[in-house]
Amino acid sequence: MKFLDSAKVYIGSGAGGNGCVAFRREKFIEYGGPWGGNGGRGGDVWAEAVENLNTLIDYRYRQHMRAKGGEAGMGKEMSGANGEDAVLRVPLGTEIYEEDGETPIADLARAGDRVLLLKGGNGGFGNAHFKSATNRAPRHANPGQPGEEKTIVLRLKLIADVGLIGLPNAGKSTFLSRVSAARPKIADYPFTTLNPQLGMVRIDTTDFVLADLPGLIEGAHEGAGLGDKFLGHAERCGAILHLIDGTQSGITKAYKTIRGELEAYGHGLAKKPEVLVLNKIDAIPKSALAKKRASLEKASGRAVILMSGVSGDGVNEVLRALAKLIDKRRAREKERGVPVRGWSP
């Protein structure tokens, strides 16, 4: 399935049905009187977050969503049927904006979250509604109210426990394929990952979702490379896994480049808990490994875990460090009464 994290959709609610003008004419009923029913109410437009989606690709091919209109009233004071609602089913983590793309409408972060986007028009009253002591035979009815319509922008920010970041060719896709059942594209050239990839990871008794984000380069916040448009998927992550390619010469520069892009992006991303990993240690001479690790720890001011995504050395240590951060976060959420997400254990 192709990944799509942004879509523009035209939506319209249903118009209300017209009221009916009718009179009761039956044998032996001398004064039948008005008998017209009310029109049905137009359908609403809703957005609902569901668990079995992880892309907005449906709205690339279905860019118009309109609810059904209400049916007109009929004789015998029969009201018209209400129009059927239109429901936009979107993945968890979808944000909805007005057409300008800046004015927020809703943030659907949990399964079952629903928001009313447009309200259907009310049905018109039939002439039976207007009967009174001074108007025994009204000959008019109300038309149904028109529906509403507008264009909205959908933006998906994947909900994952851990966001996997680093420069291109840092070994992110290799790591994801080793620790989960995901099968991202792996090659020996930059930008093999063009869209975020999700994988379910289990270590000891902890399950969590890992999101592999396309590689960043210097100047990404200004649009260089793939830009920073995919960093939005890391905003909801509880922790960041930062991979550094240990075979390159400037590992401290690589670290500072990514940290600089996180700071430039903002949205609190640079303040998230981070696990720093020096990757590809299987290709580094042992004599140089300690020196590289020490220089990276000095530049970052944090502990550095050594790992090889190819051989598997250090992988479990990395996963346990992530699981520790995730368990702490989930415990805090439980204390605050935050509902557990559907895919969490």
C-alpha atoms as a PDB file:
ATOM      1  CA  MET A   1       0.000   0.000   0.000  1.00  0.00           C
ATOM      2  CA  LYS A   2       1.386   3.395  -0.950  1.00  0.00           C
ATOM      3  CA  PHE A   3       2.049   5.759   1.939  1.00  0.00           C
ATOM      4  CA  LEU A   4       0.306   9.130   1.877  1.00  0.00           C
ATOM      5  CA  ASP A   5       0.365  11.486   4.849  1.00  0.00           C
ATOM      6  CA  SER A   6      -1.506  14.513   3.453  1.00  0.00           C
ATOM      7  CA  ALA A   7      -4.732  14.921   1.521  1.00  0.00           C
ATOM      8  CA  LYS A   8      -7.251  17.632   0.644  1.00  0.00           C
ATOM      9  CA  VAL A   9     -10.902  16.563   0.676  1.00  0.00           C
ATOM     10  CA  TYR A  10     -14.079  18.388  -0.351  1.00  0.00           C
ATOM     11  CA  ILE A  11     -16.951  17.532   1.991  1.00  0.00           C
ATOM     12  CA  GLY A  12     -20.650  18.368   1.942  1.00  0.00           C
ATOM     13  CA  SER A  13     -23.505  17.616   4.324  1.00  0.00           C
ATOM     14  CA  GLY A  14     -26.954  16.608   3.135  1.00  0.00           C
ATOM     15  CA  ALA A  15     -29.797  19.041   2.539  1.00  0.00           C
ATOM     16  CA  GLY A  16     -32.996  18.652   4.505  1.00  0.00           C
ATOM     17  CA  GLY A  17     -36.088  17.286   2.763  1.00  0.00           C
ATOM     18  CA  ASN A  18     -38.982  19.589   1.865  1.00  0.00           C
ATOM     19  CA  GLY A  19     -42.158  19.593   3.854  1.00  0.00           C
ATOM     20  CA  CYS A  20     -45.309  18.321   2.172  1.00  0.00           C
ATOM     21  CA  VAL A  21     -48.620  20.114   1.474  1.00  0.00           C
ATOM     22  CA  ALA A  22     -51.415  17.530   1.603  1.00  0.00           C
ATOM     23  CA  PHE A  23     -55.014  17.297   2.848  1.00  0.00           C
ATOM     24  CA  ARG A  24     -56.986  14.411   4.213  1.00  0.00           C
ATOM     25  CA  ARG A  25     -59.886  13.578   1.927  1.00  0.00           C
ATOM     26  CA  GLU A  26     -61.770  10.456   2.931  1.00  0.00           C
ATOM     27  CA  LYS A  27     -65.357   9.362   2.815  1.00  0.00           C
ATOM     28  CA  PHE A  28     -67.289  10.074   5.999  1.00  0.00           C
ATOM     29  CA  ILE A  29     -64.582  12.464   7.224  1.00  0.00           C
ATOM     30  CA  GLU A  30     -66.068  15.865   6.512  1.00  0.00           C
ATOM     31  CA  TYR A  31     -63.233  18.032   7.783  1.00  0.00           C
ATOM     32  CA  GLY A  32     -60.068  16.076   7.045  1.00  0.00           C
ATOM     33  CA  GLY A  33     -57.694  18.990   7.428  1.00  0.00           C
ATOM     34  CA  PRO A  34     -53.972  19.304   6.603  1.00  0.00           C
ATOM     35  CA  TRP A  35     -52.074  16.017   6.356  1.00  0.00           C
ATOM     36  CA  GLY A  36     -48.589  16.857   5.042  1.00  0.00           C
ATOM     37  CA  GLY A  37     -45.559  15.413   6.829  1.00  0.00           C
ATOM     38  CA  ASN A  38     -42.184  16.956   7.626  1.00  0.00           C
ATOM     39  CA  GLY A  39     -39.061  16.496   5.544  1.00  0.00           C
ATOM     40  CA  GLY A  40     -36.170  14.345   6.772  1.00  0.00           C
ATOM     41  CA  ARG A  41     -32.965  15.777   8.160  1.00  0.00           C
ATOM     42  CA  GLY A  42     -29.861  15.827   5.953  1.00  0.00           C
ATOM     43  CA  GLY A  43     -26.914  13.616   6.838  1.00  0.00           C
ATOM     44  CA  ASP A  44     -23.928  14.938   8.807  1.00  0.00           C
ATOM     45  CA  VAL A  45     -20.254  14.593   7.901  1.00  0.00           C
ATOM     46  CA  TRP A  46     -18.063  12.963  10.549  1.00  0.00           C
ATOM     47  CA  ALA A  47     -14.396  12.013  10.825  1.00  0.00           C
ATOM     48  CA  GLU A  48     -13.489   8.926  12.857  1.00  0.00           C
ATOM     49  CA  ALA A  49     -10.121   7.449  13.812  1.00  0.00           C
ATOM     50  CA  VAL A  50      -9.818   3.696  13.201  1.00  0.00           C
ATOM     51  CA  GLU A  51      -7.018   1.275  14.020  1.00  0.00           C
ATOM     52  CA  ASN A  52      -6.705  -0.683  10.776  1.00  0.00           C
ATOM     53  CA  LEU A  53      -5.360   2.204   8.662  1.00  0.00           C
ATOM     54  CA  ASN A  54      -1.889   3.743   8.475  1.00  0.00           C
ATOM     55  CA  THR A  55      -2.125   5.912   5.363  1.00  0.00           C
ATOM     56  CA  LEU A  56      -4.446   8.474   3.759  1.00  0.00           C
ATOM     57  CA  ILE A  57      -4.152   6.879   0.318  1.00  0.00           C
ATOM     58  CA  ASP A  58      -7.953   6.382   0.139  1.00  0.00           C
ATOM     59  CA  TYR A  59      -8.414  10.137  -0.124  1.00  0.00           C
ATOM     60  CA  ARG A  60      -6.135  10.502  -3.108  1.00  0.00           C
ATOM     61  CA  TYR A  61      -8.747   8.692  -5.180  1.00  0.00           C
ATOM     62  CA  ARG A  62     -11.833   9.809  -3.280  1.00  0.00           C
ATOM     63  CA  GLN A  63     -11.514  13.540  -2.878  1.00  0.00           C
ATOM     64  CA  HIS A  64     -15.226  14.308  -2.562  1.00  0.00           C
ATOM     65  CA  MET A  65     -17.375  13.110   0.338  1.00  0.00           C
ATOM     66  CA  ARG A  66     -21.014  14.100   0.572  1.00  0.00           C
ATOM     67  CA  ALA A  67     -23.719  12.934   2.961  1.00  0.00           C
ATOM     68  CA  LYS A  68     -27.174  11.955   1.717  1.00  0.00           C
ATOM     69  CA  GLY A  69     -30.005  14.460   1.685  1.00  0.00           C
ATOM     70  CA  GLY A  70     -33.192  13.942   3.670  1.00  0.00           C
ATOM     71  CA  GLU A  71     -36.298  12.730   1.869  1.00  0.00           C
ATOM     72  CA  ALA A  72     -39.330  14.954   1.401  1.00  0.00           C
ATOM     73  CA  GLY A  73     -42.361  14.594   3.623  1.00  0.00           C
ATOM     74  CA  MET A  74     -45.470  12.813   2.316  1.00  0.00           C
ATOM     75  CA  GLY A  75     -49.197  12.691   2.895  1.00  0.00           C
ATOM     76  CA  LYS A  76     -50.758  10.987   5.885  1.00  0.00           C
ATOM     77  CA  GLU A  77     -48.321  13.064   7.981  1.00  0.00           C
ATOM     78  CA  MET A  78     -45.481  10.740   7.021  1.00  0.00           C
ATOM     79  CA  SER A  79     -42.072  12.289   7.668  1.00  0.00           C
ATOM     80  CA  GLY A  80     -39.303  11.775   5.168  1.00  0.00           C
ATOM     81  CA  ALA A  81     -36.336   9.558   6.068  1.00  0.00           C
ATOM     82  CA  ASN A  82     -33.225  11.203   7.439  1.00  0.00           C
ATOM     83  CA  GLY A  83     -30.206  11.270   5.156  1.00  0.00           C
ATOM     84  CA  GLU A  84     -27.324   8.879   5.779  1.00  0.00           C
ATOM     85  CA  ASP A  85     -24.214  10.362   7.394  1.00  0.00           C
ATOM     86  CA  ALA A  86     -20.874  10.420   5.605  1.00  0.00           C
ATOM     87  CA  VAL A  87     -17.950   9.175   7.731  1.00  0.00           C
ATOM     88  CA  LEU A  88     -14.319   9.831   6.852  1.00  0.00           C
ATOM     89  CA  ARG A  89     -12.372   6.937   8.364  1.00  0.00           C
ATOM     90  CA  VAL A  90      -8.801   8.045   9.013  1.00  0.00           C
ATOM     91  CA  PRO A  91      -5.727   6.537  10.724  1.00  0.00           C
ATOM     92  CA  LEU A  92      -4.882   7.261  14.339  1.00  0.00           C
ATOM     93  CA  GLY A  93      -2.900  10.469  14.605  1.00  0.00           C
ATOM     94  CA  THR A  94      -4.707  12.329  11.817  1.00  0.00           C
ATOM     95  CA  GLU A  95      -4.973  16.089  12.209  1.00  0.00           C
ATOM     96  CA  ILE A  96      -7.754  17.964  10.409  1.00  0.00           C
ATOM     97  CA  TYR A  97      -7.340  21.571   9.252  1.00  0.00           C
ATOM     98  CA  GLU A  98      -9.364  24.151   7.400  1.00  0.00           C
ATOM     99  CA  GLU A  99      -8.570  24.708   3.720  1.00  0.00           C
ATOM    100  CA  ASP A 100      -5.765  27.135   4.597  1.00  0.00           C
ATOM    101  CA  GLY A 101      -3.892  24.228   6.183  1.00  0.00           C
ATOM    102  CA  GLU A 102      -3.194  26.227   9.346  1.00  0.00           C
ATOM    103  CA  THR A 103      -6.488  26.520  11.253  1.00  0.00           C
ATOM    104  CA  PRO A 104      -6.933  23.303  13.274  1.00  0.00           C
ATOM    105  CA  ILE A 105     -10.292  21.566  13.500  1.00  0.00           C
ATOM    106  CA  ALA A 106      -9.496  18.321  15.320  1.00  0.00           C
ATOM    107  CA  ASP A 107      -6.743  15.909  16.300  1.00  0.00           C
ATOM    108  CA  LEU A 108      -7.851  12.264  16.228  1.00  0.00           C
ATOM    109  CA  ALA A 109      -5.182  10.517  18.269  1.00  0.00           C
ATOM    110  CA  ARG A 110      -7.074   7.538  19.731  1.00  0.00           C
ATOM    111  CA  ALA A 111      -9.207   4.783  18.269  1.00  0.00           C
ATOM    112  CA  GLY A 112     -12.877   5.745  18.253  1.00  0.00           C
ATOM    113  CA  ASP A 113     -12.275   9.500  18.374  1.00  0.00           C
ATOM    114  CA  ARG A 114     -14.980  11.228  16.324  1.00  0.00           C
ATOM    115  CA  VAL A 115     -15.571  14.816  15.322  1.00  0.00           C
ATOM    116  CA  LEU A 116     -18.540  16.450  13.591  1.00  0.00           C
ATOM    117  CA  LEU A 117     -17.241  18.338  10.560  1.00  0.00           C
ATOM    118  CA  LEU A 118     -20.487  19.497   8.957  1.00  0.00           C
ATOM    119  CA  LYS A 119     -24.074  19.425  10.153  1.00  0.00           C
ATOM    120  CA  GLY A 120     -26.879  18.364   7.828  1.00  0.00           C
ATOM    121  CA  GLY A 121     -29.742  20.697   7.014  1.00  0.00           C
ATOM    122  CA  ASN A 122     -33.000  20.437   8.941  1.00  0.00           C
ATOM    123  CA  GLY A 123     -36.051  19.115   7.172  1.00  0.00           C
ATOM    124  CA  GLY A 124     -38.894  21.476   6.339  1.00  0.00           C
ATOM    125  CA  PHE A 125     -42.210  21.389   8.191  1.00  0.00           C
ATOM    126  CA  GLY A 126     -45.263  20.009   6.393  1.00  0.00           C
ATOM    127  CA  ASN A 127     -48.520  21.899   6.376  1.00  0.00           C
ATOM    128  CA  ALA A 128     -49.876  19.747   9.231  1.00  0.00           C
ATOM    129  CA  HIS A 129     -47.336  21.446  11.478  1.00  0.00           C
ATOM    130  CA  PHE A 130     -48.899  24.862  10.890  1.00  0.00           C
ATOM    131  CA  LYS A 131     -52.472  23.878  11.785  1.00  0.00           C
ATOM    132  CA  SER A 132     -53.900  26.064  14.525  1.00  0.00           C
ATOM    133  CA  ALA A 133     -57.216  27.293  15.857  1.00  0.00           C
ATOM    134  CA  THR A 134     -57.045  30.316  13.570  1.00  0.00           C
ATOM    135  CA  ASN A 135     -55.500  28.558  10.565  1.00  0.00           C
ATOM    136  CA  ARG A 136     -57.439  25.335  10.069  1.00  0.00           C
ATOM    137  CA  ALA A 137     -56.234  24.606   6.548  1.00  0.00           C
ATOM    138  CA  PRO A 138     -52.684  25.924   5.968  1.00  0.00           C
ATOM    139  CA  ARG A 139     -51.615  25.601   2.351  1.00  0.00           C
ATOM    140  CA  HIS A 140     -47.886  26.092   2.745  1.00  0.00           C
ATOM    141  CA  ALA A 141     -44.897  24.056   3.910  1.00  0.00           C
ATOM    142  CA  ASN A 142     -41.257  24.854   4.572  1.00  0.00           C
ATOM    143  CA  PRO A 143     -38.461  23.849   2.220  1.00  0.00           C
ATOM    144  CA  GLY A 144     -35.590  21.873   3.707  1.00  0.00           C
ATOM    145  CA  GLN A 145     -32.485  23.745   4.790  1.00  0.00           C
ATOM    146  CA  PRO A 146     -29.466  23.392   2.487  1.00  0.00           C
ATOM    147  CA  GLY A 147     -26.419  21.435   3.594  1.00  0.00           C
ATOM    148  CA  GLU A 148     -22.994  22.892   4.322  1.00  0.00           C
ATOM    149  CA  GLU A 149     -19.844  22.351   2.310  1.00  0.00           C
ATOM    150  CA  LYS A 150     -16.144  23.139   2.558  1.00  0.00           C
ATOM    151  CA  THR A 151     -12.675  21.799   1.855  1.00  0.00           C
ATOM    152  CA  ILE A 152     -10.523  20.326   4.604  1.00  0.00           C
ATOM    153  CA  VAL A 153      -6.900  19.226   4.818  1.00  0.00           C
ATOM    154  CA  LEU A 154      -5.958  15.897   6.419  1.00  0.00           C
ATOM    155  CA  ARG A 155      -2.451  15.415   7.811  1.00  0.00           C
ATOM    156  CA  LEU A 156      -1.277  12.140   9.265  1.00  0.00           C
ATOM    157  CA  LYS A 157       1.304  12.012  12.039  1.00  0.00           C
ATOM    158  CA  LEU A 158       2.053   8.372  12.717  1.00  0.00           C
ATOM    159  CA  ILE A 159       1.637   7.284  16.309  1.00  0.00           C
ATOM    160  CA  ALA A 160       4.719   5.286  17.264  1.00  0.00           C
ATOM    161  CA  ASP A 161       6.582   4.740  20.520  1.00  0.00           C
ATOM    162  CA  VAL A 162      10.017   5.314  18.997  1.00  0.00           C
ATOM    163  CA  GLY A 163      11.143   7.431  16.069  1.00  0.00           C
ATOM    164  CA  LEU A 164      14.264   6.204  14.245  1.00  0.00           C
ATOM    165  CA  ILE A 165      16.354   9.066  12.870  1.00  0.00           C
ATOM    166  CA  GLY A 166      19.795   9.617  11.391  1.00  0.00           C
ATOM    167  CA  LEU A 167      21.660  10.627   8.264  1.00  0.00           C
ATOM    168  CA  PRO A 168      21.051   8.643   5.061  1.00  0.00           C
ATOM    169  CA  ASN A 169      22.744   5.229   5.111  1.00  0.00           C
ATOM    170  CA  ALA A 170      23.035   5.192   8.899  1.00  0.00           C
ATOM    171  CA  GLY A 171      21.549   1.671   8.913  1.00  0.00           C
ATOM    172  CA  LYS A 172      18.029   2.559  10.020  1.00  0.00           C
ATOM    173  CA  SER A 173      16.212   0.250   7.583  1.00  0.00           C
ATOM    174  CA  THR A 174      18.583  -2.629   8.360  1.00  0.00           C
ATOM    175  CA  PHE A 175      17.895  -2.206  12.075  1.00  0.00           C
ATOM    176  CA  LEU A 176      14.124  -2.099  11.522  1.00  0.00           C
ATOM    177  CA  SER A 177      14.196  -5.267   9.403  1.00  0.00           C
ATOM    178  CA  ARG A 178      16.217  -7.097  12.071  1.00  0.00           C
ATOM    179  CA  VAL A 179      14.037  -6.238  15.071  1.00  0.00           C
ATOM    180  CA  SER A 180      10.602  -6.458  13.418  1.00  0.00           C
ATOM    181  CA  ALA A 181       8.717  -8.148  10.600  1.00  0.00           C
ATOM    182  CA  ALA A 182       8.852  -4.976   8.491  1.00  0.00           C
ATOM    183  CA  ARG A 183      10.660  -5.284   5.178  1.00  0.00           C
ATOM    184  CA  PRO A 184      11.857  -1.822   4.174  1.00  0.00           C
ATOM    185  CA  LYS A 185      14.005  -1.270   1.110  1.00  0.00           C
ATOM    186  CA  ILE A 186      17.708  -1.703   1.886  1.00  0.00           C
ATOM    187  CA  ALA A 187      20.459  -0.588  -0.501  1.00  0.00           C
ATOM    188  CA  ASP A 188      23.966   0.894  -0.463  1.00  0.00           C
ATOM    189  CA  TYR A 189      22.934   4.344  -1.671  1.00  0.00           C
ATOM    190  CA  PRO A 190      21.358   7.318   0.163  1.00  0.00           C
ATOM    191  CA  PHE A 191      17.614   7.919   0.506  1.00  0.00           C
ATOM    192  CA  THR A 192      16.527   4.317  -0.006  1.00  0.00           C
ATOM    193  CA  THR A 193      13.696   5.074   2.456  1.00  0.00           C
ATOM    194  CA  LEU A 194      11.347   7.576   0.845  1.00  0.00           C
ATOM    195  CA  ASN A 195       8.401   7.112   3.214  1.00  0.00           C
ATOM    196  CA  PRO A 196       8.098   6.301   6.923  1.00  0.00           C
ATOM    197  CA  GLN A 197       8.046   2.599   7.763  1.00  0.00           C
ATOM    198  CA  LEU A 198       6.455   1.049  10.852  1.00  0.00           C
ATOM    199  CA  GLY A 199       7.470  -2.105  12.666  1.00  0.00           C
ATOM    200  CA  MET A 200       6.202  -3.852  15.796  1.00  0.00           C
ATOM    201  CA  VAL A 201       9.057  -4.742  18.153  1.00  0.00           C
ATOM    202  CA  ARG A 202       9.077  -7.050  21.188  1.00  0.00           C
ATOM    203  CA  ILE A 203      11.847  -7.280  23.775  1.00  0.00           C
ATOM    204  CA  ASP A 204      11.349  -9.273  26.994  1.00  0.00           C
ATOM    205  CA  THR A 205       7.795  -8.271  28.097  1.00  0.00           C
ATOM    206  CA  THR A 206       7.552  -4.942  26.265  1.00  0.00           C
ATOM    207  CA  ASP A 207       5.951  -4.387  22.872  1.00  0.00           C
ATOM    208  CA  PHE A 208       6.360  -1.109  21.042  1.00  0.00           C
ATOM    209  CA  VAL A 209       6.022   0.441  17.596  1.00  0.00           C
ATOM    210  CA  LEU A 210       9.145   1.698  15.831  1.00  0.00           C
ATOM    211  CA  ALA A 211       8.919   4.266  13.009  1.00  0.00           C
ATOM    212  CA  ASP A 212      11.802   4.466  10.512  1.00  0.00           C
ATOM    213  CA  LEU A 213      11.878   8.004   9.122  1.00  0.00           C
ATOM    214  CA  PRO A 214      13.604   8.992   5.864  1.00  0.00           C
ATOM    215  CA  GLY A 215      17.151  10.263   6.341  1.00  0.00           C
ATOM    216  CA  LEU A 216      17.867  13.879   7.172  1.00  0.00           C
ATOM    217  CA  ILE A 217      20.741  15.942   5.797  1.00  0.00           C
ATOM    218  CA  GLU A 218      22.122  19.344   6.709  1.00  0.00           C
ATOM    219  CA  GLY A 219      19.656  22.041   5.678  1.00  0.00           C
ATOM    220  CA  ALA A 220      16.637  19.716   5.790  1.00  0.00           C
ATOM    221  CA  HIS A 221      14.609  22.389   7.622  1.00  0.00           C
ATOM    222  CA  GLU A 222      15.167  24.603   4.550  1.00  0.00           C
ATOM    223  CA  GLY A 223      14.031  21.872   2.143  1.00  0.00           C
ATOM    224  CA  ALA A 224      17.363  20.157   1.392  1.00  0.00           C
ATOM    225  CA  GLY A 225      17.093  16.496   0.421  1.00  0.00           C
ATOM    226  CA  LEU A 226      13.684  15.189   1.425  1.00  0.00           C
ATOM    227  CA  GLY A 227      13.336  18.136   3.793  1.00  0.00           C
ATOM    228  CA  ASP A 228      11.911  17.719   7.282  1.00  0.00           C
ATOM    229  CA  LYS A 229       8.306  17.010   6.277  1.00  0.00           C
ATOM    230  CA  PHE A 230       8.510  13.514   7.764  1.00  0.00           C
ATOM    231  CA  LEU A 231       9.682  14.738  11.169  1.00  0.00           C
ATOM    232  CA  GLY A 232       6.043  15.399  12.021  1.00  0.00           C
ATOM    233  CA  HIS A 233       5.683  11.633  12.408  1.00  0.00           C
ATOM    234  CA  ALA A 234       8.181  11.744  15.285  1.00  0.00           C
ATOM    235  CA  GLU A 235       6.281  14.446  17.205  1.00  0.00           C
ATOM    236  CA  ARG A 236       4.068  11.873  18.922  1.00  0.00           C
ATOM    237  CA  CYS A 237       6.886   9.432  19.672  1.00  0.00           C
ATOM    238  CA  GLY A 238       7.840   8.834  23.264  1.00  0.00           C
ATOM    239  CA  ALA A 239      11.542   8.479  22.469  1.00  0.00           C
ATOM    240  CA  ILE A 240      14.070   9.009  19.687  1.00  0.00           C
ATOM    241  CA  LEU A 241      16.551   6.394  18.500  1.00  0.00           C
ATOM    242  CA  HIS A 242      19.454   8.218  16.872  1.00  0.00           C
ATOM    243  CA  LEU A 243      21.740   6.048  14.713  1.00  0.00           C
ATOM    244  CA  ILE A 244      25.217   7.224  13.752  1.00  0.00           C
ATOM    245  CA  ASP A 245      27.181   5.482  11.005  1.00  0.00           C
ATOM    246  CA  GLY A 246      30.425   4.562  12.756  1.00  0.00           C
ATOM    247  CA  THR A 247      32.310   3.974   9.510  1.00  0.00           C
ATOM    248  CA  GLN A 248      32.212   7.628   8.476  1.00  0.00           C
ATOM    249  CA  SER A 249      34.973  10.030   9.442  1.00  0.00           C
ATOM    250  CA  GLY A 250      32.952  12.886  10.980  1.00  0.00           C
ATOM    251  CA  ILE A 251      30.716  11.121  13.479  1.00  0.00           C
ATOM    252  CA  THR A 252      30.492  14.137  15.805  1.00  0.00           C
ATOM    253  CA  LYS A 253      29.539  16.354  12.875  1.00  0.00           C
ATOM    254  CA  ALA A 254      26.859  13.842  11.868  1.00  0.00           C
ATOM    255  CA  TYR A 255      25.436  13.942  15.390  1.00  0.00           C
ATOM    256  CA  LYS A 256      25.417  17.740  15.544  1.00  0.00           C
ATOM    257  CA  THR A 257      23.836  17.950  12.074  1.00  0.00           C
ATOM    258  CA  ILE A 258      20.824  15.870  13.113  1.00  0.00           C
ATOM    259  CA  ARG A 259      20.484  17.624  16.452  1.00  0.00           C
ATOM    260  CA  GLY A 260      20.589  20.951  14.667  1.00  0.00           C
ATOM    261  CA  GLU A 261      17.769  19.897  12.366  1.00  0.00           C
ATOM    262  CA  LEU A 262      15.662  18.760  15.341  1.00  0.00           C
ATOM    263  CA  GLU A 263      16.203  22.115  17.039  1.00  0.00           C
ATOM    264  CA  ALA A 264      15.311  23.985  13.840  1.00  0.00           C
ATOM    265  CA  TYR A 265      12.147  21.909  13.390  1.00  0.00           C
ATOM    266  CA  GLY A 266      10.915  22.648  16.926  1.00  0.00           C
ATOM    267  CA  HIS A 267       7.613  21.234  18.263  1.00  0.00           C
ATOM    268  CA  GLY A 268       9.499  19.816  21.260  1.00  0.00           C
ATOM    269  CA  LEU A 269      11.219  17.143  19.184  1.00  0.00           C
ATOM    270  CA  ALA A 270      14.715  17.997  20.404  1.00  0.00           C
ATOM    271  CA  LYS A 271      13.582  17.602  24.047  1.00  0.00           C
ATOM    272  CA  LYS A 272      12.404  14.025  23.709  1.00  0.00           C
ATOM    273  CA  PRO A 273      14.365  11.238  25.434  1.00  0.00           C
ATOM    274  CA  GLU A 274      17.077   9.992  23.100  1.00  0.00           C
ATOM    275  CA  VAL A 275      19.020   6.745  22.799  1.00  0.00           C
ATOM    276  CA  LEU A 276      22.260   7.358  20.926  1.00  0.00           C
ATOM    277  CA  VAL A 277      23.772   4.440  19.020  1.00  0.00           C
ATOM    278  CA  LEU A 278      27.036   4.073  17.131  1.00  0.00           C
ATOM    279  CA  ASN A 279      26.118   1.641  14.366  1.00  0.00           C
ATOM    280  CA  LYS A 280      28.087  -0.625  11.997  1.00  0.00           C
ATOM    281  CA  ILE A 281      30.697  -1.561  14.595  1.00  0.00           C
ATOM    282  CA  ASP A 282      31.327  -4.807  12.700  1.00  0.00           C
ATOM    283  CA  ALA A 283      33.112  -2.723  10.052  1.00  0.00           C
ATOM    284  CA  ILE A 284      35.207  -0.652  12.483  1.00  0.00           C
ATOM    285  CA  PRO A 285      38.661  -1.770  13.671  1.00  0.00           C
ATOM    286  CA  LYS A 286      38.701  -2.382  17.417  1.00  0.00           C
ATOM    287  CA  SER A 287      41.597   0.014  17.792  1.00  0.00           C
ATOM    288  CA  ALA A 288      39.476   2.885  16.480  1.00  0.00           C
ATOM    289  CA  LEU A 289      36.162   1.895  18.070  1.00  0.00           C
ATOM    290  CA  ALA A 290      36.919   3.138  21.583  1.00  0.00           C
ATOM    291  CA  LYS A 291      38.193   6.467  20.255  1.00  0.00           C
ATOM    292  CA  LYS A 292      35.076   6.998  18.124  1.00  0.00           C
ATOM    293  CA  ARG A 293      32.816   6.147  21.036  1.00  0.00           C
ATOM    294  CA  ALA A 294      34.637   8.526  23.381  1.00  0.00           C
ATOM    295  CA  SER A 295      34.496  11.426  20.918  1.00  0.00           C
ATOM    296  CA  LEU A 296      30.765  10.897  20.339  1.00  0.00           C
ATOM    297  CA  GLU A 297      30.053  10.747  24.073  1.00  0.00           C
ATOM    298  CA  LYS A 298      31.998  13.957  24.587  1.00  0.00           C
ATOM    299  CA  ALA A 299      30.126  15.755  21.788  1.00  0.00           C
ATOM    300  CA  SER A 300      26.679  14.552  22.877  1.00  0.00           C
ATOM    301  CA  GLY A 301      27.104  14.520  26.643  1.00  0.00           C
ATOM    302  CA  ARG A 302      25.313  11.169  26.877  1.00  0.00           C
ATOM    303  CA  ALA A 303      26.135   7.460  26.899  1.00  0.00           C
ATOM    304  CA  VAL A 304      26.631   5.816  23.513  1.00  0.00           C
ATOM    305  CA  ILE A 305      25.578   2.217  22.798  1.00  0.00           C
ATOM    306  CA  LEU A 306      27.629   0.210  20.304  1.00  0.00           C
ATOM    307  CA  MET A 307      25.649  -1.834  17.800  1.00  0.00           C
ATOM    308  CA  SER A 308      25.767  -3.639  14.488  1.00  0.00           C
ATOM    309  CA  GLY A 309      22.468  -4.016  12.691  1.00  0.00           C
ATOM    310  CA  VAL A 310      24.050  -6.597  10.365  1.00  0.00           C
ATOM    311  CA  SER A 311      25.652  -8.924  12.908  1.00  0.00           C
ATOM    312  CA  GLY A 312      23.176  -8.230  15.693  1.00  0.00           C
ATOM    313  CA  ASP A 313      25.779  -7.190  18.257  1.00  0.00           C
ATOM    314  CA  GLY A 314      24.299  -4.749  20.764  1.00  0.00           C
ATOM    315  CA  VAL A 315      20.788  -4.886  19.278  1.00  0.00           C
ATOM    316  CA  ASN A 316      19.147  -6.267  22.423  1.00  0.00           C
ATOM    317  CA  GLU A 317      20.939  -3.675  24.546  1.00  0.00           C
ATOM    318  CA  VAL A 318      19.470  -0.931  22.355  1.00  0.00           C
ATOM    319  CA  LEU A 319      15.982  -2.433  22.530  1.00  0.00           C
ATOM    320  CA  ARG A 320      16.124  -2.740  26.323  1.00  0.00           C
ATOM    321  CA  ALA A 321      17.206   0.885  26.644  1.00  0.00           C
ATOM    322  CA  LEU A 322      14.216   1.908  24.514  1.00  0.00           C
ATOM    323  CA  ALA A 323      11.857  -0.383  26.442  1.00  0.00           C
ATOM    324  CA  LYS A 324      12.943   1.250  29.707  1.00  0.00           C
ATOM    325  CA  LEU A 325      12.016   4.707  28.396  1.00  0.00           C
ATOM    326  CA  ILE A 326       8.717   3.454  26.966  1.00  0.00           C
ATOM    327  CA  ASP A 327       7.690   1.692  30.186  1.00  0.00           C
ATOM    328  CA  LYS A 328       8.329   4.892  32.166  1.00  0.00           C
ATOM    329  CA  ARG A 329       6.244   6.919  29.738  1.00  0.00           C
ATOM    330  CA  ARG A 330       3.365   4.446  29.812  1.00  0.00           C
ATOM    331  CA  ALA A 331       3.423   4.440  33.606  1.00  0.00           C
ATOM    332  CA  ARG A 332       3.144   8.236  33.637  1.00  0.00           C
ATOM    333  CA  GLU A 333       0.273   8.109  31.148  1.00  0.00           C
ATOM    334  CA  LYS A 334      -1.513   5.519  33.268  1.00  0.00           C
ATOM    335  CA  GLU A 335      -1.193   7.734  36.345  1.00  0.00           C
ATOM    336  CA  ARG A 336      -2.712  10.648  34.402  1.00  0.00           C
ATOM    337  CA  GLY A 337      -5.527   8.424  33.163  1.00  0.00           C
ATOM    338  CA  VAL A 338      -4.513   8.646  29.514  1.00  0.00           C
ATOM    339  CA  PRO A 339      -6.273   5.832  27.579  1.00  0.00           C
ATOM    340  CA  VAL A 340      -3.975   3.072  26.336  1.00  0.00           C
ATOM    341  CA  ARG A 341      -3.680   2.923  22.573  1.00  0.00           C
ATOM    342  CA  GLY A 342      -5.188  -0.052  20.812  1.00  0.00           C
ATOM    343  CA  TRP A 343      -1.857  -1.591  19.778  1.00  0.00           C
ATOM    344  CA  SER A 344      -0.148  -1.210  23.152  1.00  0.00           C
ATOM    345  CA  PRO A 345       0.116  -4.259  25.422  1.00  0.00           C
END
